Structures are given as structure tokens and as C-alpha cells.
Amino acid sequence: MLRSSHHVRSLLRYSQTAAAAQLQQQRFLNVHEYQGAQIMSKFGINVPPGKPVFSLDDVPKAAEEMKDEKNEVVLKSQIYAGGRGLGTFKNGLQGGVHICSVNKAIELAKHMLNQTLVTKQTGPAGKPVNTLYIAKKMKLKREMYFAILLDRKTSGPIMIGCSEGGTSIEDLAEKFPEKIIKIPVDIRVGITDDQALQMAKGLAVTGDINAAADQIKRLYQLFAASDCTMVEVNPLAEDAEGKLIAADAKLGFDDSAGYRQKDTFALRDESQLDPREVAADKFDLNYIGLDGTIGCMVNGAGLAMATMDIIKLRGGSPANFLDVGGNASEQQVIEAFKILTSDPQVKAILVNIFGGIMKCDVIASGIVSAAKQVGVKVPLIVRLEGTNVEAGKKILSSSNVKIIAADDLDDAATKAVAAIQNL
């Protein structure tokens, strides 16, 4: 089952003091379950057999290939979110994962493929199911938990394991922290045979201990060679013979390594992402959509956070976090305005710029050009301060663009909230 890194964060909570969370765009790649299985198999990791299907015409053949002795298969919705099994399709079908007979696979697939699945992690909008993963029904004897991620405390990879698996792993970690095994790995040395055996013993494997340790080593090799931010296997299971199988896995990849992991990054499914975040990423803008009505464009993450805070303080609600950075070009400003104006819930736009490296006159010219090109139909409030601020204000005041000028941040937030109330 695909999950967010909430499980991993929960486990780390009991091994170190968490740093204050920062609101930021999630710049790392996730892949679908079937893609993760394909990647893992290249490293010799045992995964359940399965076939992805993208149309209903592909379902009968795939189901026939994956059926077990009882003539049953598993249909798994492929989305970038966890909680699929307990999710609900907007057409009323309960559950995004189903075990069914081959004969019923096509009828069930009609209610899953190209439909929208809503889970606890998707929010009410849900995610589109453009792919079904038809997998062989596995006979698993027991389930465990295993993950590798980057640990801030040790400044390197850390392996986390538990002899008990399942979707409630974070609850188990809270109630029985002693059951969680944590083994830091020196990234300069890599995983050692002793560490792999220590993890295999901690997982209480019942089969060949050396074969289990080999699977642990292969999972680490995947993590290191693929520039992963996280490898979470839940469950890591044993079959009747005690063979370890990565029954379900969540892989995350570092976007900074995209240039050398081109094949992996080509797997990105943009249909699963907020189109505004996709657009922002193409122009190196940090954007996170929220549910408010005042669109924000700010240079600098800290200033953006302060802007959102003061909007709330003055009775408004921010529609987004948008940081154009300290040296945005005019084109980036234009694209930022396109993103803000494409959001129907935005009733006003607040631009808050502190000119340091980015000069106020340059950003003012960009704001005027962007407003003219995009066509801003909602109140536009602009606060400028810093380098060349007077020149910037002159550009704004002499333009034909209707702009509400603000003297400071508090004034800007107050005017933005008032502008919406006066609509």
C-alpha cells in the first residue's frame, strides 16, 4: 500500500527530537507501486508478480496471467497516496484494492480504472486512477516492517525495522518503542554483512537468515544507487518457505539527483500532482496550494510564512504559499501570476517583496508586465521595501494597472482582507 512518509516520521519521533517542521514544496519524486516493484526487481529484490494495465481491454489477459490456483487475482488502484484499501471511489465503490475472481475482474475494473479514488491522504478531491496493478495473490506467512531513510541525527542513512508489520506501524512504535530496530549506516562504508544480519535477526525471520540478510543488503543498494530519500517496505513479508518478499513498497527519490536518474524521473505521473505545483516546478517556483482566498507572491520562504501569518491575524486566509526566490526573473513573476490567477478561489492577490538581491524597480516592472499579460481581475495589493524601493513604487504608480499600494506588511494584509470584504 502506498503511504506518505508519515509512518517513517512517526518511527523517528521515538529515536530523536524532531526539528520544527517547515512548510515547503515537496521536491522529491514518488513513483507508483508497480513502478517501484519494477525498480526493485532490477536490484534482485523479491517482489510479488504483477502487471500494470492502462485500459479495460488489457484486464482479461493480465488477470489470466496473474491468477492463482483459486482463479483469483488482486486489483490495486495506482495513486500517489496511501489508505487505498479503505478508500472510496466517487462512483460509490468501496475500497481501492480488491481480491476477486478472474471472471469478475473486468466488471470490477470498470468501476476502478479512470475513476477517482478518495482516501484519508488524498483529501476530498481524490486522485485519478489511470492505472490498475493486477497482482498475484500471495500466500504470506507473516508481515514485518522495514525502511531506509536519511536521518538528521546521524547525517546519514538509517535502517528501521520491526518484526511486526501492518498499516498501524506508527501506533506500534508509540506503544512499544522497544520493538523498533534502528541501525545507522555509514554512507562512506555502506551496509556491512554484520549490519544486514543484525537487521535480519531483529526482524525475527524464520527462513534462511543469510538469504534474508542478502535481501536487506539489496534494499540498501537500491537506496544508495538510486538516490532515494526513502525506501519503505510495509509489509516486508515471509512466504510459506520463509522467503522474504517486498510485498508493498514506497520509494522516494531526491529531485536534486534528477540529472543522473533520468530513467526514474521519466516515470513521474503529473496527473497525480496539483497542476499548479507542476507549473511552479517548471519555473523553479516554490508553490503549495492552500484553501484560502488571498493569493500570496513573496520572495523568501520566511517572509512568505510571515505574510501568511499576518493575513490570518487580520481575519483573512492565504490561498497558497508562493516563494519566487531572491532573484526571480520577469518571466518567473509572469508565471507566478498565471498560477495565482488560475485558482478560482483566489479573490485578491498580495505581493510582498523585500528588495535585497532582487531590486524593487526590477520586480515592479515584472509585476506590471505580468498583470498586463495575464490580466488580473481581482484586487492586487503590493508592498515593496528595500533596494530601489522609491523607483519601484514610481513604476507601479505610473502604470495603468490598478494596484493598491501598501506601506508595510501589516498595511498590506489589512488592505487585502478589506478588498475581499468589499467585493
Protein backbone atom coordinates (compact mmCIF):
# COMPACT_ATOMS: atom_id res chain seq x y z
CA MET A 1 0.00 0.00 0.00
CA LEU A 2 1.46 3.36 -0.97
CA ARG A 3 1.80 5.61 2.02
CA SER A 4 3.19 9.02 2.78
CA SER A 5 6.33 9.29 4.89
CA HIS A 6 4.05 9.78 7.94
CA HIS A 7 4.94 6.24 9.04
CA VAL A 8 8.64 6.94 8.90
CA ARG A 9 8.30 10.28 10.69
CA SER A 10 6.32 8.54 13.41
CA LEU A 11 9.08 6.00 13.92
CA LEU A 12 11.80 8.62 14.03
CA ARG A 13 9.83 10.57 16.60
CA TYR A 14 10.83 7.94 19.12
CA SER A 15 14.51 7.91 18.18
CA GLN A 16 15.33 11.61 18.07
CA THR A 17 13.99 15.08 18.78
CA ALA A 18 12.21 16.33 15.67
CA ALA A 19 13.17 19.71 14.29
CA ALA A 20 10.43 22.26 13.79
CA ALA A 21 8.55 21.36 10.63
CA GLN A 22 8.81 23.80 7.76
CA LEU A 23 6.19 24.42 5.14
CA GLN A 24 7.81 23.71 1.82
CA GLN A 25 7.04 22.35 -1.61
CA GLN A 26 7.70 18.62 -1.69
CA ARG A 27 10.55 18.43 -4.19
CA PHE A 28 11.06 14.72 -4.35
CA LEU A 29 9.81 12.11 -6.76
CA ASN A 30 7.32 9.41 -5.87
CA VAL A 31 6.51 6.50 -8.14
CA HIS A 32 3.56 4.15 -8.37
CA GLU A 33 3.62 0.76 -6.69
CA TYR A 34 4.07 -1.15 -9.94
CA GLN A 35 6.95 1.13 -10.94
CA GLY A 36 8.59 0.62 -7.57
CA ALA A 37 8.27 -3.14 -7.99
CA GLN A 38 9.94 -2.94 -11.40
CA ILE A 39 12.81 -0.87 -9.98
CA MET A 40 13.29 -3.21 -7.00
CA SER A 41 13.33 -6.30 -9.20
CA LYS A 42 16.31 -4.83 -11.09
CA PHE A 43 18.25 -4.99 -7.83
CA GLY A 44 17.29 -8.63 -7.22
CA ILE A 45 14.72 -7.78 -4.55
CA ASN A 46 11.87 -10.28 -4.31
CA VAL A 47 8.56 -8.67 -5.28
CA PRO A 48 5.11 -10.17 -5.99
CA PRO A 49 4.39 -10.82 -9.68
CA GLY A 50 2.06 -8.26 -11.24
CA LYS A 51 1.12 -6.44 -14.42
CA PRO A 52 0.00 -2.81 -14.82
CA VAL A 53 -2.97 -2.18 -17.09
CA PHE A 54 -3.96 1.15 -18.57
CA SER A 55 -7.18 0.22 -20.33
CA LEU A 56 -10.06 -2.18 -19.76
CA ASP A 57 -9.02 -4.14 -22.85
CA ASP A 58 -5.81 -5.15 -21.06
CA VAL A 59 -7.55 -6.52 -17.97
CA PRO A 60 -8.61 -10.04 -19.12
CA LYS A 61 -5.14 -11.06 -20.33
CA ALA A 62 -3.36 -9.67 -17.27
CA ALA A 63 -5.86 -11.31 -14.89
CA GLU A 64 -5.44 -14.65 -16.65
CA GLU A 65 -1.65 -14.43 -16.28
CA MET A 66 -1.78 -13.47 -12.60
CA LYS A 67 -4.49 -15.84 -11.34
CA ASP A 68 -3.72 -18.30 -8.55
CA GLU A 69 -4.96 -21.86 -8.08
CA LYS A 70 -8.29 -20.47 -6.82
CA ASN A 71 -8.65 -18.42 -10.00
CA GLU A 72 -8.28 -15.18 -8.02
CA VAL A 73 -6.25 -12.02 -8.56
CA VAL A 74 -5.64 -8.74 -6.72
CA LEU A 75 -6.69 -5.42 -8.31
CA LYS A 76 -4.79 -2.44 -6.91
CA SER A 77 -5.52 1.19 -7.72
CA GLN A 78 -2.37 3.15 -8.51
CA ILE A 79 -2.35 6.64 -6.98
CA TYR A 80 0.15 8.83 -5.14
CA ALA A 81 -1.49 8.33 -1.75
CA GLY A 82 -1.93 5.77 0.97
CA GLY A 83 -5.05 4.33 2.54
CA ARG A 84 -6.23 2.86 -0.76
CA GLY A 85 -7.78 -0.22 0.74
CA LEU A 86 -10.08 1.86 2.95
CA GLY A 87 -10.74 4.49 0.29
CA THR A 88 -13.96 5.14 -1.62
CA PHE A 89 -14.44 5.86 -5.30
CA LYS A 90 -16.61 8.82 -6.16
CA ASN A 91 -18.87 6.41 -8.05
CA GLY A 92 -19.64 4.68 -4.74
CA LEU A 93 -17.35 1.63 -4.93
CA GLN A 94 -15.80 0.91 -1.54
CA GLY A 95 -12.09 0.12 -1.47
CA GLY A 96 -9.25 0.82 -3.89
CA VAL A 97 -7.80 -2.69 -3.53
CA HIS A 98 -9.85 -5.83 -4.24
CA ILE A 99 -9.36 -9.57 -4.37
CA CYS A 100 -11.68 -11.11 -6.93
CA SER A 101 -12.07 -13.98 -9.36
CA VAL A 102 -10.79 -13.65 -12.91
CA ASN A 103 -14.38 -13.68 -14.15
CA LYS A 104 -15.27 -10.63 -12.04
CA ALA A 105 -12.05 -8.71 -12.73
CA ILE A 106 -13.27 -6.89 -15.82
CA GLU A 107 -16.54 -5.77 -14.21
CA LEU A 108 -14.76 -4.56 -11.08
CA ALA A 109 -12.11 -2.82 -13.16
CA LYS A 110 -14.83 -0.79 -14.88
CA HIS A 111 -15.59 0.84 -11.54
CA MET A 112 -11.91 1.46 -10.72
CA LEU A 113 -9.96 2.36 -13.85
CA ASN A 114 -10.28 6.01 -14.94
CA GLN A 115 -12.29 6.74 -11.79
CA THR A 116 -11.46 8.98 -8.82
CA LEU A 117 -10.43 7.42 -5.52
CA VAL A 118 -10.74 9.33 -2.25
CA THR A 119 -8.65 8.29 0.77
CA LYS A 120 -7.61 9.92 4.03
CA GLN A 121 -4.45 11.13 2.34
CA THR A 122 -5.92 12.47 -0.92
CA GLY A 123 -8.37 14.94 0.59
CA PRO A 124 -11.95 15.22 -0.69
CA ALA A 125 -10.85 15.87 -4.28
CA GLY A 126 -9.34 12.38 -4.54
CA LYS A 127 -6.84 11.14 -7.11
CA PRO A 128 -7.46 9.77 -10.62
CA VAL A 129 -6.84 6.04 -11.08
CA ASN A 130 -5.27 5.88 -14.52
CA THR A 131 -3.54 2.57 -13.88
CA LEU A 132 -4.56 -0.69 -12.23
CA TYR A 133 -1.95 -3.10 -10.93
CA ILE A 134 -3.15 -6.68 -11.34
CA ALA A 135 -1.05 -8.75 -8.98
CA LYS A 136 -0.80 -12.36 -8.00
CA LYS A 137 -2.44 -13.19 -4.69
CA MET A 138 0.41 -14.10 -2.36
CA LYS A 139 0.38 -16.62 0.46
CA LEU A 140 2.19 -14.70 3.17
CA LYS A 141 3.01 -16.33 6.49
CA ARG A 142 3.89 -13.19 8.46
CA GLU A 143 4.45 -9.48 7.96
CA MET A 144 7.26 -7.18 9.08
CA TYR A 145 8.21 -3.54 8.60
CA PHE A 146 11.41 -2.24 7.04
CA ALA A 147 12.56 1.19 5.92
CA ILE A 148 15.69 3.11 4.99
CA LEU A 149 15.73 6.88 5.12
CA LEU A 150 18.03 9.80 5.73
CA ASP A 151 18.45 10.54 9.43
CA ARG A 152 19.18 14.12 10.51
CA LYS A 153 20.66 12.98 13.83
CA THR A 154 23.36 10.78 12.28
CA SER A 155 23.58 12.75 9.00
CA GLY A 156 23.31 9.55 7.01
CA PRO A 157 21.09 6.60 6.16
CA ILE A 158 19.37 4.69 8.91
CA MET A 159 17.62 1.32 8.66
CA ILE A 160 14.45 0.91 10.67
CA GLY A 161 12.81 -2.46 11.19
CA CYS A 162 10.11 -4.15 13.21
CA SER A 163 9.23 -7.83 13.48
CA GLU A 164 5.59 -6.79 13.30
CA GLY A 165 4.24 -5.01 10.22
CA GLY A 166 0.95 -3.63 9.01
CA THR A 167 -0.69 -0.27 8.50
CA SER A 168 -0.66 0.57 12.23
CA ILE A 169 3.12 0.58 12.49
CA GLU A 170 3.18 4.13 13.90
CA ASP A 171 0.80 3.11 16.69
CA LEU A 172 3.03 0.15 17.48
CA ALA A 173 6.07 2.43 17.60
CA GLU A 174 4.31 4.71 20.07
CA LYS A 175 3.11 1.96 22.38
CA PHE A 176 6.11 -0.39 22.11
CA PRO A 177 9.16 1.63 21.05
CA GLU A 178 11.46 -1.16 22.14
CA LYS A 179 10.21 -3.25 19.23
CA ILE A 180 11.66 -0.81 16.71
CA ILE A 181 15.16 -1.64 15.46
CA LYS A 182 17.33 1.26 14.28
CA ILE A 183 20.69 0.73 12.61
CA PRO A 184 22.60 3.76 11.28
CA VAL A 185 24.74 3.10 8.22
CA ASP A 186 27.97 4.96 7.45
CA ILE A 187 27.33 6.19 3.91
CA ARG A 188 31.08 6.19 3.22
CA VAL A 189 31.32 2.48 4.03
CA GLY A 190 27.88 1.24 3.08
CA ILE A 191 25.97 -1.57 4.71
CA THR A 192 28.12 -4.29 6.26
CA ASP A 193 27.39 -8.02 6.48
CA ASP A 194 27.08 -7.72 10.26
CA GLN A 195 24.52 -4.91 9.97
CA ALA A 196 22.46 -6.86 7.44
CA LEU A 197 22.48 -9.91 9.71
CA GLN A 198 21.63 -7.77 12.75
CA MET A 199 18.57 -6.43 10.92
CA ALA A 200 17.52 -9.88 9.71
CA LYS A 201 17.73 -11.21 13.28
CA GLY A 202 15.84 -8.19 14.59
CA LEU A 203 13.06 -8.94 12.10
CA ALA A 204 12.94 -12.47 13.55
CA VAL A 205 12.98 -14.11 10.13
CA THR A 206 12.13 -17.81 10.20
CA GLY A 207 13.78 -18.78 6.92
CA ASP A 208 17.36 -18.69 5.68
CA ILE A 209 19.00 -15.90 7.73
CA ASN A 210 21.73 -15.33 5.15
CA ALA A 211 19.22 -15.05 2.30
CA ALA A 212 17.24 -12.55 4.37
CA ALA A 213 20.39 -10.53 5.06
CA ASP A 214 21.11 -10.53 1.34
CA GLN A 215 17.69 -9.00 0.68
CA ILE A 216 18.41 -6.31 3.28
CA LYS A 217 21.69 -5.52 1.52
CA ARG A 218 19.95 -5.32 -1.85
CA LEU A 219 17.40 -2.88 -0.44
CA TYR A 220 20.24 -0.70 0.79
CA GLN A 221 21.94 -0.93 -2.62
CA LEU A 222 18.70 0.29 -4.19
CA PHE A 223 18.57 3.18 -1.72
CA ALA A 224 22.15 4.29 -2.37
CA ALA A 225 22.41 3.68 -6.12
CA SER A 226 19.05 5.26 -6.95
CA ASP A 227 19.48 8.43 -4.84
CA CYS A 228 16.48 7.56 -2.72
CA THR A 229 15.22 9.75 0.07
CA MET A 230 13.27 6.82 1.45
CA VAL A 231 12.65 3.12 0.88
CA GLU A 232 9.70 1.94 2.96
CA VAL A 233 8.61 -1.70 2.70
CA ASN A 234 5.36 -2.36 4.52
CA PRO A 235 4.84 -5.18 4.66
CA LEU A 236 8.13 -6.93 4.21
CA ALA A 237 6.69 -10.42 4.33
CA GLU A 238 7.64 -14.08 4.51
CA ASP A 239 6.04 -16.71 2.32
CA ALA A 240 5.38 -20.28 3.43
CA GLU A 241 9.05 -21.18 2.82
CA GLY A 242 10.37 -18.24 4.82
CA LYS A 243 11.47 -16.29 1.74
CA LEU A 244 11.45 -12.51 2.20
CA ILE A 245 9.19 -10.60 -0.20
CA ALA A 246 8.79 -6.86 -0.52
CA ALA A 247 5.02 -7.19 -0.70
CA ASP A 248 4.44 -3.45 -0.92
CA ALA A 249 6.87 -0.55 -1.00
CA LYS A 250 7.01 3.22 -1.08
CA LEU A 251 10.03 4.73 -2.83
CA GLY A 252 11.02 8.39 -2.78
CA PHE A 253 13.82 9.90 -4.88
CA ASP A 254 15.85 13.07 -4.39
CA ASP A 255 14.95 15.67 -7.01
CA SER A 256 18.48 17.04 -6.81
CA ALA A 257 19.67 13.81 -8.43
CA GLY A 258 17.24 14.01 -11.33
CA TYR A 259 20.03 14.73 -13.79
CA ARG A 260 21.63 11.32 -13.14
CA GLN A 261 18.42 9.34 -12.55
CA LYS A 262 16.75 10.34 -15.80
CA ASP A 263 15.03 6.97 -16.40
CA THR A 264 13.48 7.06 -12.94
CA PHE A 265 12.35 10.67 -13.17
CA ALA A 266 10.75 9.96 -16.52
CA LEU A 267 8.24 7.88 -14.53
CA ARG A 268 6.70 10.94 -12.86
CA ASP A 269 2.89 10.86 -13.20
CA GLU A 270 1.84 14.50 -13.37
CA SER A 271 -1.84 13.53 -13.32
CA GLN A 272 -1.36 12.73 -9.63
CA LEU A 273 0.02 16.16 -8.79
CA ASP A 274 -1.52 19.59 -8.29
CA PRO A 275 -1.22 21.17 -11.77
CA ARG A 276 -0.26 24.45 -10.13
CA GLU A 277 2.67 22.78 -8.39
CA VAL A 278 3.68 21.13 -11.66
CA ALA A 279 3.68 24.53 -13.38
CA ALA A 280 5.60 26.11 -10.49
CA ASP A 281 8.23 23.39 -10.57
CA LYS A 282 8.92 24.00 -14.28
CA PHE A 283 9.83 27.61 -13.50
CA ASP A 284 11.67 26.91 -10.23
CA LEU A 285 8.97 28.47 -8.07
CA ASN A 286 8.17 27.14 -4.61
CA TYR A 287 4.39 26.72 -4.51
CA ILE A 288 1.96 24.98 -2.18
CA GLY A 289 -1.78 25.29 -2.68
CA LEU A 290 -3.90 26.05 0.40
CA ASP A 291 -7.64 26.58 0.85
CA GLY A 292 -7.85 30.34 1.46
CA THR A 293 -8.86 33.27 -0.72
CA ILE A 294 -5.83 35.60 -0.71
CA GLY A 295 -3.15 34.61 -3.19
CA CYS A 296 0.38 35.37 -2.00
CA MET A 297 3.53 36.07 -4.02
CA VAL A 298 6.58 36.68 -1.85
CA ASN A 299 10.37 36.49 -2.19
CA GLY A 300 11.83 34.34 0.55
CA ALA A 301 10.34 31.44 2.48
CA GLY A 302 10.49 33.18 5.87
CA LEU A 303 8.81 36.30 4.55
CA ALA A 304 6.18 34.12 2.88
CA MET A 305 5.42 32.42 6.19
CA ALA A 306 5.17 35.78 7.94
CA THR A 307 2.86 37.03 5.20
CA MET A 308 0.51 34.10 5.64
CA ASP A 309 0.55 34.53 9.41
CA ILE A 310 -0.39 38.19 9.30
CA ILE A 311 -3.14 37.53 6.76
CA LYS A 312 -4.65 35.10 9.27
CA LEU A 313 -4.12 37.61 12.07
CA ARG A 314 -6.11 40.21 10.15
CA GLY A 315 -9.01 37.82 9.55
CA GLY A 316 -8.13 36.53 6.10
CA SER A 317 -6.92 33.19 4.80
CA PRO A 318 -3.96 32.55 2.45
CA ALA A 319 -4.71 30.62 -0.75
CA ASN A 320 -1.15 29.48 -1.20
CA PHE A 321 2.49 29.62 -0.27
CA LEU A 322 4.43 31.01 -3.24
CA ASP A 323 8.09 31.92 -2.92
CA VAL A 324 9.62 33.32 -6.13
CA GLY A 325 13.09 33.29 -4.59
CA GLY A 326 15.63 36.02 -4.10
CA ASN A 327 16.49 36.62 -7.74
CA ALA A 328 13.35 35.96 -9.77
CA SER A 329 13.25 36.94 -13.43
CA GLU A 330 10.39 38.81 -15.04
CA GLN A 331 9.30 35.56 -16.69
CA GLN A 332 9.10 33.83 -13.31
CA VAL A 333 6.93 36.65 -11.99
CA ILE A 334 4.63 36.29 -15.01
CA GLU A 335 4.35 32.55 -14.45
CA ALA A 336 3.66 33.14 -10.75
CA PHE A 337 0.78 35.44 -11.67
CA LYS A 338 -0.57 32.81 -14.08
CA ILE A 339 -0.62 30.27 -11.29
CA LEU A 340 -2.33 32.63 -8.85
CA THR A 341 -4.97 33.81 -11.32
CA SER A 342 -5.74 30.25 -12.45
CA ASP A 343 -7.03 29.45 -8.95
CA PRO A 344 -10.78 30.23 -8.86
CA GLN A 345 -10.78 30.55 -5.07
CA VAL A 346 -8.33 33.48 -5.17
CA LYS A 347 -10.30 36.70 -4.57
CA ALA A 348 -7.31 39.01 -4.04
CA ILE A 349 -3.55 38.87 -4.63
CA LEU A 350 -0.98 40.18 -2.17
CA VAL A 351 2.55 40.74 -3.47
CA ASN A 352 5.08 41.24 -0.68
CA ILE A 353 8.64 41.93 -1.81
CA PHE A 354 11.69 42.86 0.23
CA GLY A 355 14.35 44.04 -2.19
CA GLY A 356 17.81 42.77 -1.39
CA ILE A 357 19.44 40.91 -4.24
CA MET A 358 16.13 41.40 -6.04
CA LYS A 359 15.78 45.14 -6.65
CA CYS A 360 12.35 46.69 -6.15
CA ASP A 361 12.36 48.50 -9.51
CA VAL A 362 13.04 45.23 -11.33
CA ILE A 363 10.28 43.38 -9.52
CA ALA A 364 7.90 46.31 -10.04
CA SER A 365 8.47 46.15 -13.79
CA GLY A 366 7.81 42.43 -13.64
CA ILE A 367 4.58 42.93 -11.70
CA VAL A 368 3.31 45.49 -14.22
CA SER A 369 4.23 43.31 -17.21
CA ALA A 370 2.72 40.22 -15.60
CA ALA A 371 -0.52 41.99 -14.66
CA LYS A 372 -0.91 43.30 -18.22
CA GLN A 373 -0.14 39.96 -19.85
CA VAL A 374 -2.15 37.76 -17.53
CA GLY A 375 -5.00 40.14 -16.86
CA VAL A 376 -5.56 40.35 -13.11
CA LYS A 377 -9.31 40.58 -12.41
CA VAL A 378 -9.09 40.60 -8.61
CA PRO A 379 -7.74 43.30 -6.26
CA LEU A 380 -3.94 43.45 -6.42
CA ILE A 381 -2.16 44.66 -3.29
CA VAL A 382 1.59 45.33 -3.49
CA ARG A 383 4.05 46.08 -0.73
CA LEU A 384 7.65 46.89 -1.69
CA GLU A 385 10.56 47.58 0.62
CA GLY A 386 14.34 47.56 0.25
CA THR A 387 16.75 48.31 -2.57
CA ASN A 388 15.46 50.88 -5.10
CA VAL A 389 12.07 50.97 -3.37
CA GLU A 390 11.22 54.52 -4.48
CA ALA A 391 11.96 53.70 -8.10
CA GLY A 392 9.82 50.59 -7.77
CA LYS A 393 6.88 52.49 -6.29
CA LYS A 394 7.12 55.06 -9.09
CA ILE A 395 6.89 52.31 -11.71
CA LEU A 396 3.77 50.93 -10.05
CA SER A 397 2.06 54.30 -9.59
CA SER A 398 2.74 55.41 -13.17
CA SER A 399 1.45 52.19 -14.72
CA ASN A 400 -2.08 51.75 -15.98
CA VAL A 401 -2.50 48.70 -13.77
CA LYS A 402 -4.94 49.09 -10.88
CA ILE A 403 -2.75 48.46 -7.85
CA ILE A 404 -3.45 49.01 -4.16
CA ALA A 405 -0.16 50.18 -2.66
CA ALA A 406 0.73 49.24 0.90
CA ASP A 407 3.28 50.88 3.19
CA ASP A 408 4.20 47.83 5.23
CA LEU A 409 3.27 44.20 5.74
CA ASP A 410 0.51 44.87 8.26
CA ASP A 411 -0.97 47.51 5.97
CA ALA A 412 -0.82 45.08 3.03
CA ALA A 413 -2.61 42.31 4.92
CA THR A 414 -5.27 44.69 6.21
CA LYS A 415 -5.94 46.06 2.72
CA ALA A 416 -6.06 42.55 1.19
CA VAL A 417 -8.67 41.40 3.71
CA ALA A 418 -10.67 44.62 3.26
CA ALA A 419 -10.55 44.27 -0.53
CA ILE A 420 -12.26 40.90 -0.34
CA GLN A 421 -14.85 42.11 2.15
CA ASN A 422 -15.74 44.99 -0.17
CA LEU A 423 -16.35 42.72 -3.18
